[in-house]
PDB file of N, CA and C in Angstrom:
ATOM      1  N   MET A   1      23.974  -0.338  22.262  1.00  0.00           N
ATOM      2  CA  MET A   1      23.138   0.982  21.790  1.00  0.00           C
ATOM      3  C   MET A   1      21.922   0.276  22.248  1.00  0.00           C
ATOM      4  N   ARG A   2      21.359   1.527  23.188  1.00  0.00           N
ATOM      5  CA  ARG A   2      19.775   0.963  23.857  1.00  0.00           C
ATOM      6  C   ARG A   2      18.812   1.636  22.942  1.00  0.00           C
ATOM      7  N   LEU A   3      18.136   0.353  22.750  1.00  0.00           N
ATOM      8  CA  LEU A   3      16.563   0.723  22.054  1.00  0.00           C
ATOM      9  C   LEU A   3      15.997   1.806  22.827  1.00  0.00           C
ATOM     10  N   ASN A   4      15.159   2.790  21.815  1.00  0.00           N
ATOM     11  CA  ASN A   4      14.449   3.779  21.918  1.00  0.00           C
ATOM     12  C   ASN A   4      13.237   3.746  22.330  1.00  0.00           C
ATOM     13  N   LYS A   5      12.495   3.092  23.169  1.00  0.00           N
ATOM     14  CA  LYS A   5      10.928   2.171  23.127  1.00  0.00           C
ATOM     15  C   LYS A   5      10.062   3.274  22.439  1.00  0.00           C
ATOM     16  N   ARG A   6       9.745   5.011  22.970  1.00  0.00           N
ATOM     17  CA  ARG A   6       9.017   5.425  22.179  1.00  0.00           C
ATOM     18  C   ARG A   6       8.775   5.937  20.731  1.00  0.00           C
ATOM     19  N   VAL A   7      10.342   5.482  19.999  1.00  0.00           N
ATOM     20  CA  VAL A   7      11.130   6.190  18.377  1.00  0.00           C
ATOM     21  C   VAL A   7      10.592   4.802  18.063  1.00  0.00           C
ATOM     22  N   GLY A   8      10.286   3.269  19.098  1.00  0.00           N
ATOM     23  CA  GLY A   8       9.780   2.227  18.377  1.00  0.00           C
ATOM     24  C   GLY A   8       8.810   2.598  18.557  1.00  0.00           C
ATOM     25  N   ILE A   9       7.303   2.781  19.183  1.00  0.00           N
ATOM     26  CA  ILE A   9       6.845   2.370  18.989  1.00  0.00           C
ATOM     27  C   ILE A   9       5.789   3.265  17.696  1.00  0.00           C
ATOM     28  N   GLU A  10       6.724   4.562  17.856  1.00  0.00           N
ATOM     29  CA  GLU A  10       6.617   5.366  16.780  1.00  0.00           C
ATOM     30  C   GLU A  10       6.358   5.082  15.143  1.00  0.00           C
ATOM     31  N   THR A  11       7.287   4.158  15.334  1.00  0.00           N
ATOM     32  CA  THR A  11       7.680   3.762  13.729  1.00  0.00           C
ATOM     33  C   THR A  11       7.819   2.815  13.428  1.00  0.00           C
ATOM     34  N   ILE A  12       6.730   1.446  14.426  1.00  0.00           N
ATOM     35  CA  ILE A  12       5.413   0.798  14.451  1.00  0.00           C
ATOM     36  C   ILE A  12       4.642   1.738  13.612  1.00  0.00           C
ATOM     37  N   ILE A  13       3.785   2.327  14.971  1.00  0.00           N
ATOM     38  CA  ILE A  13       2.467   3.462  13.959  1.00  0.00           C
ATOM     39  C   ILE A  13       2.665   4.137  12.447  1.00  0.00           C
ATOM     40  N   VAL A  14       3.358   4.121  12.279  1.00  0.00           N
ATOM     41  CA  VAL A  14       4.331   5.417  10.993  1.00  0.00           C
ATOM     42  C   VAL A  14       3.905   3.943   9.955  1.00  0.00           C
ATOM     43  N   SER A  15       4.371   2.721   9.844  1.00  0.00           N
ATOM     44  CA  SER A  15       4.969   1.596   9.014  1.00  0.00           C
ATOM     45  C   SER A  15       3.520   0.850   9.076  1.00  0.00           C
ATOM     46  N   PHE A  16       2.252   1.097  10.363  1.00  0.00           N
ATOM     47  CA  PHE A  16       0.996   0.501   9.505  1.00  0.00           C
ATOM     48  C   PHE A  16      -0.095   1.958   8.899  1.00  0.00           C
ATOM     49  N   ILE A  17       0.682   3.030   9.377  1.00  0.00           N
ATOM     50  CA  ILE A  17      -0.138   3.952   8.145  1.00  0.00           C
ATOM     51  C   ILE A  17       0.626   4.298   7.169  1.00  0.00           C
ATOM     52  N   PHE A  18       1.560   3.730   6.928  1.00  0.00           N
ATOM     53  CA  PHE A  18       1.982   3.710   5.223  1.00  0.00           C
ATOM     54  C   PHE A  18       1.262   2.150   4.456  1.00  0.00           C
ATOM     55  N   ILE A  19       1.810   1.515   5.030  1.00  0.00           N
ATOM     56  CA  ILE A  19       0.836   0.349   4.501  1.00  0.00           C
ATOM     57  C   ILE A  19      -0.398   0.509   4.387  1.00  0.00           C
ATOM     58  N   LEU A  20      -1.714   0.909   5.318  1.00  0.00           N
ATOM     59  CA  LEU A  20      -3.063   1.453   5.061  1.00  0.00           C
ATOM     60  C   LEU A  20      -3.601   2.918   4.245  1.00  0.00           C
ATOM     61  N   LEU A  21      -2.510   3.608   3.853  1.00  0.00           N
ATOM     62  CA  LEU A  21      -2.264   4.515   2.502  1.00  0.00           C
ATOM     63  C   LEU A  21      -1.894   3.541   1.277  1.00  0.00           C
ATOM     64  N   LEU A  22      -1.087   2.562   1.402  1.00  0.00           N
ATOM     65  CA  LEU A  22      -0.916   1.723   0.499  1.00  0.00           C
ATOM     66  C   LEU A  22      -2.436   0.856  -0.096  1.00  0.00           C
ATOM     67  N   VAL A  23      -2.784   0.601   0.498  1.00  0.00           N
ATOM     68  CA  VAL A  23      -3.873  -0.400   0.645  1.00  0.00           C
ATOM     69  C   VAL A  23      -5.316   0.531   0.286  1.00  0.00           C
ATOM     70  N   VAL A  24      -5.319   1.672   0.355  1.00  0.00           N
ATOM     71  CA  VAL A  24      -6.358   2.822   0.221  1.00  0.00           C
ATOM     72  C   VAL A  24      -5.891   3.111  -0.469  1.00  0.00           C
ATOM     73  N   TRP A  25      -4.502   3.914  -1.083  1.00  0.00           N
ATOM     74  CA  TRP A  25      -4.646   3.581  -2.545  1.00  0.00           C
ATOM     75  C   TRP A  25      -4.612   2.774  -3.884  1.00  0.00           C
ATOM     76  N   LYS A  26      -4.386   1.629  -3.735  1.00  0.00           N
ATOM     77  CA  LYS A  26      -4.862   0.679  -4.468  1.00  0.00           C
ATOM     78  C   LYS A  26      -6.285   0.626  -4.445  1.00  0.00           C
ATOM     79  N   VAL A  27      -6.861   0.318  -3.602  1.00  0.00           N
ATOM     80  CA  VAL A  27      -8.344   0.183  -3.782  1.00  0.00           C
ATOM     81  C   VAL A  27      -9.100   1.394  -4.624  1.00  0.00           C
ATOM     82  N   ALA A  28      -8.870   2.732  -4.102  1.00  0.00           N
ATOM     83  CA  ALA A  28      -9.010   3.658  -5.256  1.00  0.00           C
ATOM     84  C   ALA A  28      -8.983   3.738  -6.275  1.00  0.00           C
ATOM     85  N   GLN A  29      -7.802   2.881  -6.519  1.00  0.00           N
ATOM     86  CA  GLN A  29      -7.437   3.184  -7.977  1.00  0.00           C
ATOM     87  C   GLN A  29      -8.128   1.922  -8.837  1.00  0.00           C
ATOM     88  N   GLY A  30      -8.382   1.247  -7.926  1.00  0.00           N
ATOM     89  CA  GLY A  30      -8.826  -0.258  -9.084  1.00  0.00           C
ATOM     90  C   GLY A  30     -10.618   0.366  -8.681  1.00  0.00           C
ATOM     91  N   MET A  31     -10.876   1.065  -7.475  1.00  0.00           N
ATOM     92  CA  MET A  31     -12.251   1.352  -8.624  1.00  0.00           C
ATOM     93  C   MET A  31     -12.096   2.514  -9.334  1.00  0.00           C
ATOM     94  N   PHE A  32     -11.738   3.338  -9.810  1.00  0.00           N
ATOM     95  CA  PHE A  32     -11.047   3.710 -10.780  1.00  0.00           C
ATOM     96  C   PHE A  32     -11.341   3.748 -12.220  1.00  0.00           C
ATOM     97  N   LEU A  33     -10.646   2.261 -11.545  1.00  0.00           N
ATOM     98  CA  LEU A  33      -9.948   1.209 -13.199  1.00  0.00           C
ATOM     99  C   LEU A  33     -11.697   1.071 -13.938  1.00  0.00           C
ATOM    100  N   THR A  34     -12.284   0.191 -12.544  1.00  0.00           N
ATOM    101  CA  THR A  34     -13.297  -0.782 -12.658  1.00  0.00           C
ATOM    102  C   THR A  34     -14.244   0.489 -13.391  1.00  0.00           C
ATOM    103  N   LEU A  35     -14.422   1.682 -12.760  1.00  0.00           N
ATOM    104  CA  LEU A  35     -15.611   2.281 -13.423  1.00  0.00           C
ATOM    105  C   LEU A  35     -15.122   3.090 -14.748  1.00  0.00           C
ATOM    106  N   GLN A  36     -14.519   3.811 -15.046  1.00  0.00           N
ATOM    107  CA  GLN A  36     -13.486   3.874 -16.575  1.00  0.00           C
ATOM    108  C   GLN A  36     -13.813   2.975 -17.212  1.00  0.00           C
ATOM    109  N   HIS A  37     -13.816   1.378 -17.211  1.00  0.00           N
ATOM    110  CA  HIS A  37     -13.647   0.196 -18.245  1.00  0.00           C
ATOM    111  C   HIS A  37     -15.169   0.325 -18.789  1.00  0.00           C
ATOM    112  N   VAL A  38     -14.712  -0.187 -20.295  1.00  0.00           N
ATOM    113  CA  VAL A  38     -15.553  -0.252 -21.439  1.00  0.00           C
ATOM    114  C   VAL A  38     -15.318  -1.902 -22.142  1.00  0.00           C
ATOM    115  N   PRO A  39     -16.110  -2.917 -21.417  1.00  0.00           N
ATOM    116  CA  PRO A  39     -15.748  -3.725 -22.082  1.00  0.00           C
ATOM    117  C   PRO A  39     -15.497  -3.494 -24.404  1.00  0.00           C
ATOM    118  N   GLN A  40     -14.646  -4.192 -25.167  1.00  0.00           N
ATOM    119  CA  GLN A  40     -14.949  -4.375 -26.092  1.00  0.00           C
ATOM    120  C   GLN A  40     -15.583  -4.975 -26.950  1.00  0.00           C
ATOM    121  N   GLY A  41     -16.859  -4.179 -27.791  1.00  0.00           N
ATOM    122  CA  GLY A  41     -17.449  -4.860 -28.480  1.00  0.00           C
ATOM    123  C   GLY A  41     -19.275  -5.596 -27.540  1.00  0.00           C
ATOM    124  N   THR A  42     -19.057  -4.406 -26.755  1.00  0.00           N
ATOM    125  CA  THR A  42     -20.779  -4.000 -25.736  1.00  0.00           C
ATOM    126  C   THR A  42     -21.489  -3.072 -26.641  1.00  0.00           C
ATOM    127  N   PRO A  43     -22.886  -3.630 -26.840  1.00  0.00           N
ATOM    128  CA  PRO A  43     -23.687  -1.834 -27.445  1.00  0.00           C
ATOM    129  C   PRO A  43     -24.103  -1.041 -26.456  1.00  0.00           C
ATOM    130  N   LEU A  44     -24.376   0.307 -26.786  1.00  0.00           N
ATOM    131  CA  LEU A  44     -24.612   0.948 -25.767  1.00  0.00           C
ATOM    132  C   LEU A  44     -26.481   0.547 -24.957  1.00  0.00           C
ATOM    133  N   GLN A  45     -26.276   0.122 -24.003  1.00  0.00           N
ATOM    134  CA  GLN A  45     -27.614  -0.190 -23.003  1.00  0.00           C
ATOM    135  C   GLN A  45     -28.005   1.204 -22.721  1.00  0.00           C
ATOM    136  N   THR A  46     -29.682   1.320 -22.907  1.00  0.00           N
ATOM    137  CA  THR A  46     -30.708   2.078 -22.635  1.00  0.00           C
ATOM    138  C   THR A  46     -30.687   1.897 -20.983  1.00  0.00           C
ATOM    139  N   SER A  47     -30.445   1.012 -20.151  1.00  0.00           N
ATOM    140  CA  SER A  47     -30.830   0.711 -19.280  1.00  0.00           C
ATOM    141  C   SER A  47     -29.684   1.279 -18.078  1.00  0.00           C
ATOM    142  N   GLY A  48     -28.349   1.504 -19.098  1.00  0.00           N
ATOM    143  CA  GLY A  48     -27.143   2.236 -17.567  1.00  0.00           C
ATOM    144  C   GLY A  48     -26.521   0.935 -17.041  1.00  0.00           C
ATOM    145  N   ALA A  49     -27.247  -0.020 -16.813  1.00  0.00           N
ATOM    146  CA  ALA A  49     -26.321  -1.269 -16.365  1.00  0.00           C
ATOM    147  C   ALA A  49     -25.844  -2.339 -16.820  1.00  0.00           C
ATOM    148  N   ALA A  50     -24.768  -2.507 -16.954  1.00  0.00           N
ATOM    149  CA  ALA A  50     -24.241  -3.434 -17.830  1.00  0.00           C
ATOM    150  C   ALA A  50     -24.898  -5.234 -16.423  1.00  0.00           C
ATOM    151  N   SER A  51     -25.334  -5.848 -17.067  1.00  0.00           N
ATOM    152  CA  SER A  51     -26.242  -7.326 -17.472  1.00  0.00           C
ATOM    153  C   SER A  51     -24.647  -8.258 -17.120  1.00  0.00           C
ATOM    154  N   GLN A  52     -23.171  -7.837 -17.824  1.00  0.00           N
ATOM    155  CA  GLN A  52     -22.949  -8.691 -17.640  1.00  0.00           C
ATOM    156  C   GLN A  52     -20.951  -7.996 -17.051  1.00  0.00           C
ATOM    157  N   VAL A  53     -19.982  -8.806 -16.659  1.00  0.00           N
ATOM    158  CA  VAL A  53     -19.187  -7.469 -15.662  1.00  0.00           C
ATOM    159  C   VAL A  53     -17.801  -8.036 -16.174  1.00  0.00           C
ATOM    160  N   ASP A  54     -17.004  -7.638 -17.234  1.00  0.00           N
ATOM    161  CA  ASP A  54     -15.455  -8.430 -17.350  1.00  0.00           C
ATOM    162  C   ASP A  54     -15.000  -7.538 -16.886  1.00  0.00           C
ATOM    163  N   PHE A  55     -13.888  -8.919 -15.789  1.00  0.00           N
ATOM    164  CA  PHE A  55     -12.929  -8.528 -15.235  1.00  0.00           C
ATOM    165  C   PHE A  55     -11.232  -8.720 -15.853  1.00  0.00           C
ATOM    166  N   GLY A  56     -11.411  -9.224 -16.929  1.00  0.00           N
ATOM    167  CA  GLY A  56     -10.257  -9.407 -17.044  1.00  0.00           C
ATOM    168  C   GLY A  56      -9.081 -10.678 -16.994  1.00  0.00           C
ATOM    169  N   HIS A  57      -7.736 -10.374 -16.445  1.00  0.00           N
ATOM    170  CA  HIS A  57      -6.742 -11.121 -16.235  1.00  0.00           C
ATOM    171  C   HIS A  57      -6.909 -11.014 -14.848  1.00  0.00           C
ATOM    172  N   VAL A  58      -7.124 -12.230 -13.817  1.00  0.00           N
ATOM    173  CA  VAL A  58      -6.690 -11.802 -11.908  1.00  0.00           C
ATOM    174  C   VAL A  58      -5.323 -12.338 -11.601  1.00  0.00           C
ATOM    175  N   ALA A  59      -4.993 -11.516 -11.273  1.00  0.00           N
ATOM    176  CA  ALA A  59      -3.292 -12.092 -11.210  1.00  0.00           C
ATOM    177  C   ALA A  59      -3.275 -12.134  -9.496  1.00  0.00           C
ATOM    178  N   SER A  60      -2.744 -13.848  -9.635  1.00  0.00           N
ATOM    179  CA  SER A  60      -2.280 -13.560  -7.686  1.00  0.00           C
ATOM    180  C   SER A  60      -1.026 -13.153  -7.609  1.00  0.00           C
ATOM    181  N   GLY A  61      -1.191 -12.706  -5.849  1.00  0.00           N
ATOM    182  CA  GLY A  61       0.504 -12.465  -6.221  1.00  0.00           C
ATOM    183  C   GLY A  61       1.557 -13.265  -5.483  1.00  0.00           C
ATOM    184  N   SER A  62       2.898 -13.640  -6.288  1.00  0.00           N
ATOM    185  CA  SER A  62       3.793 -14.570  -6.352  1.00  0.00           C
ATOM    186  C   SER A  62       4.406 -14.341  -4.853  1.00  0.00           C
ATOM    187  N   GLY A  63       4.431 -15.458  -4.437  1.00  0.00           N
ATOM    188  CA  GLY A  63       5.649 -15.267  -3.637  1.00  0.00           C
ATOM    189  C   GLY A  63       6.670 -14.033  -3.480  1.00  0.00           C
ATOM    190  N   LEU A  64       7.163 -14.573  -4.263  1.00  0.00           N
ATOM    191  CA  LEU A  64       8.415 -13.961  -4.778  1.00  0.00           C
ATOM    192  C   LEU A  64       8.490 -12.024  -4.090  1.00  0.00           C
ATOM    193  N   MET A  65       7.003 -11.493  -4.788  1.00  0.00           N
ATOM    194  CA  MET A  65       6.089 -10.166  -4.548  1.00  0.00           C
ATOM    195  C   MET A  65       5.730 -10.033  -3.074  1.00  0.00           C
ATOM    196  N   ILE A  66       5.098 -11.267  -2.789  1.00  0.00           N
ATOM    197  CA  ILE A  66       4.787 -11.001  -1.576  1.00  0.00           C
ATOM    198  C   ILE A  66       6.266 -10.337  -0.384  1.00  0.00           C
ATOM    199  N   THR A  67       6.927 -11.579  -0.671  1.00  0.00           N
ATOM    200  CA  THR A  67       8.331 -11.693   0.017  1.00  0.00           C
ATOM    201  C   THR A  67       9.852 -10.165   0.431  1.00  0.00           C
ATOM    202  N   LEU A  68       9.632  -9.388  -1.137  1.00  0.00           N
ATOM    203  CA  LEU A  68      10.215  -8.315  -1.623  1.00  0.00           C
ATOM    204  C   LEU A  68       9.569  -7.231  -1.373  1.00  0.00           C
ATOM    205  N   SER A  69       7.970  -7.309  -0.721  1.00  0.00           N
ATOM    206  CA  SER A  69       6.953  -6.095  -0.167  1.00  0.00           C
ATOM    207  C   SER A  69       7.091  -5.829   1.375  1.00  0.00           C
ATOM    208  N   VAL A  70       7.171  -7.666   1.727  1.00  0.00           N
ATOM    209  CA  VAL A  70       7.369  -7.296   3.372  1.00  0.00           C
ATOM    210  C   VAL A  70       8.696  -7.023   3.297  1.00  0.00           C
ATOM    211  N   GLY A  71       9.913  -7.198   2.969  1.00  0.00           N
ATOM    212  CA  GLY A  71      11.247  -6.293   3.016  1.00  0.00           C
ATOM    213  C   GLY A  71      11.079  -4.950   2.972  1.00  0.00           C
ATOM    214  N   GLY A  72      10.923  -4.886   2.128  1.00  0.00           N
ATOM    215  CA  GLY A  72      10.846  -3.708   1.245  1.00  0.00           C
ATOM    216  C   GLY A  72      10.062  -2.350   2.628  1.00  0.00           C
ATOM    217  N   ILE A  73       8.609  -3.074   3.143  1.00  0.00           N
ATOM    218  CA  ILE A  73       8.683  -1.808   4.150  1.00  0.00           C
ATOM    219  C   ILE A  73       9.418  -2.088   5.508  1.00  0.00           C
ATOM    220  N   PHE A  74       9.774  -3.255   5.955  1.00  0.00           N
ATOM    221  CA  PHE A  74      10.681  -4.303   6.946  1.00  0.00           C
ATOM    222  C   PHE A  74      12.341  -2.510   6.995  1.00  0.00           C
ATOM    223  N   LEU A  75      12.513  -2.858   6.272  1.00  0.00           N
ATOM    224  CA  LEU A  75      13.755  -2.070   5.048  1.00  0.00           C
ATOM    225  C   LEU A  75      13.596  -0.112   5.466  1.00  0.00           C
ATOM    226  N   LEU A  76      12.395   0.019   5.460  1.00  0.00           N
ATOM    227  CA  LEU A  76      11.910   1.446   5.238  1.00  0.00           C
ATOM    228  C   LEU A  76      11.584   1.750   6.557  1.00  0.00           C
ATOM    229  N   ALA A  77      11.292   0.967   7.699  1.00  0.00           N
ATOM    230  CA  ALA A  77      10.969   0.832   9.034  1.00  0.00           C
ATOM    231  C   ALA A  77      12.413   1.068  10.010  1.00  0.00           C
ATOM    232  N   ILE A  78      13.310   0.133   9.095  1.00  0.00           N
ATOM    233  CA  ILE A  78      15.043   0.477  10.217  1.00  0.00           C
ATOM    234  C   ILE A  78      15.329   1.869   9.891  1.00  0.00           C
ATOM    235  N   ALA A  79      15.068   2.202   8.631  1.00  0.00           N
ATOM    236  CA  ALA A  79      15.554   3.719   8.108  1.00  0.00           C
ATOM    237  C   ALA A  79      14.606   4.597   8.706  1.00  0.00           C
ATOM    238  N   TYR A  80      13.631   4.696   8.699  1.00  0.00           N
ATOM    239  CA  TYR A  80      13.105   5.741   9.653  1.00  0.00           C
ATOM    240  C   TYR A  80      13.769   5.424  11.519  1.00  0.00           C
ATOM    241  N   TYR A  81      13.753   4.233  12.037  1.00  0.00           N
ATOM    242  CA  TYR A  81      13.918   3.719  13.136  1.00  0.00           C
ATOM    243  C   TYR A  81      15.214   4.403  13.823  1.00  0.00           C
ATOM    244  N   VAL A  82      16.402   4.502  12.476  1.00  0.00           N
ATOM    245  CA  VAL A  82      17.148   4.663  12.315  1.00  0.00           C
ATOM    246  C   VAL A  82      17.253   6.096  12.603  1.00  0.00           C
ATOM    247  N   VAL A  83      16.692   6.897  11.501  1.00  0.00           N
ATOM    248  CA  VAL A  83      16.718   8.213  11.352  1.00  0.00           C
ATOM    249  C   VAL A  83      16.543   9.406  12.920  1.00  0.00           C
ATOM    250  N   ARG A  84      15.338   8.585  13.394  1.00  0.00           N
ATOM    251  CA  ARG A  84      14.591   9.076  14.036  1.00  0.00           C
ATOM    252  C   ARG A  84      15.179   9.094  15.664  1.00  0.00           C
ATOM    253  N   SER A  85      15.746   8.177  15.698  1.00  0.00           N
ATOM    254  CA  SER A  85      17.009   7.919  16.943  1.00  0.00           C
ATOM    255  C   SER A  85      18.060   8.781  17.244  1.00  0.00           C
ATOM    256  N   TYR A  86      18.100   9.405  16.204  1.00  0.00           N
ATOM    257  CA  TYR A  86      19.927   9.956  15.550  1.00  0.00           C
ATOM    258  C   TYR A  86      18.692  11.437  15.922  1.00  0.00           C
ATOM    259  N   VAL A  87      18.227  11.585  15.448  1.00  0.00           N
ATOM    260  CA  VAL A  87      17.051  13.464  15.296  1.00  0.00           C
ATOM    261  C   VAL A  87      17.125  13.631  17.083  1.00  0.00           C
ATOM    262  N   VAL A  88      15.831  12.190  17.735  1.00  0.00           N
ATOM    263  CA  VAL A  88      16.243  12.412  18.992  1.00  0.00           C
ATOM    264  C   VAL A  88      17.551  12.728  19.931  1.00  0.00           C
ATOM    265  N   GLY A  89      18.027  12.054  19.550  1.00  0.00           N
ATOM    266  CA  GLY A  89      19.837  11.846  20.303  1.00  0.00           C
ATOM    267  C   GLY A  89      20.351  13.043  20.362  1.00  0.00           C
ATOM    268  N   LYS A  90      20.445  13.771  18.963  1.00  0.00           N
ATOM    269  CA  LYS A  90      21.053  15.033  18.443  1.00  0.00           C
ATOM    270  C   LYS A  90      20.245  15.796  19.485  1.00  0.00           C
ATOM    271  N   ASN A  91      19.300  16.123  19.805  1.00  0.00           N
ATOM    272  CA  ASN A  91      18.480  17.506  20.391  1.00  0.00           C
ATOM    273  C   ASN A  91      18.669  16.970  21.844  1.00  0.00           C
ATOM    274  N   LYS A  92      18.895  15.750  22.228  1.00  0.00           N
ATOM    275  CA  LYS A  92      19.104  15.972  24.088  1.00  0.00           C
ATOM    276  C   LYS A  92      20.617  16.322  23.969  1.00  0.00           C
ATOM    277  N   ARG A  93      21.340  16.380  23.065  1.00  0.00           N
ATOM    278  CA  ARG A  93      22.783  16.684  23.895  1.00  0.00           C
ATOM    279  C   ARG A  93      22.582  17.963  23.751  1.00  0.00           C
TER     280      ARG A  93
END
């Protein structure tokens, strides 16, 4: 089986775009949740700016979740490459 260089590069680019979109989505989601958060027991302030910020529980990524995420992205890239190679090969015939 020969590897198609053009489809391989396309697969890498699509994978990076997918990862970038996931990161942008998580950042936007975090910004929205932070803007909507009102800490309990905080009286309304007239200045409009809070003097303290409550971030709550900060969870660090576990090794298992990172491994599963990287593995999932890798499997999606392989699936994309196989499908694109099949479509390109079918169109050449």
